[in-house]
């Protein structure tokens, strides 16, 4: 009898946990969509911006919904050798 009650409680807990996960997803995404509100997608990354003399500054780029929100300098001007190239992935636009 004790074993049966234990498994019953475990099953109720598992269904409650799964139900809470799906309801949470619905309320965060579903209600915003229901009322015509879009959820905001943001991401940030750093990028070295250089001139023709290879003098560079690092910038923190913040994108919101695919558009440039802010671009903040996070370093001083640094002069690199003429052969230096930024090892990070080159992007066509700041916010793809």
Foldseek 3Di string as FASTA:
>chain_A
DVVVVVVVVVVVVVVVVVVVVVVVVCVVQVVCVVVPHDDKDKDWDKDWDADQQQWTWIWIWMDIPQHTDDIHTDGDTDGDDNPDDDPDDDDPDSGD
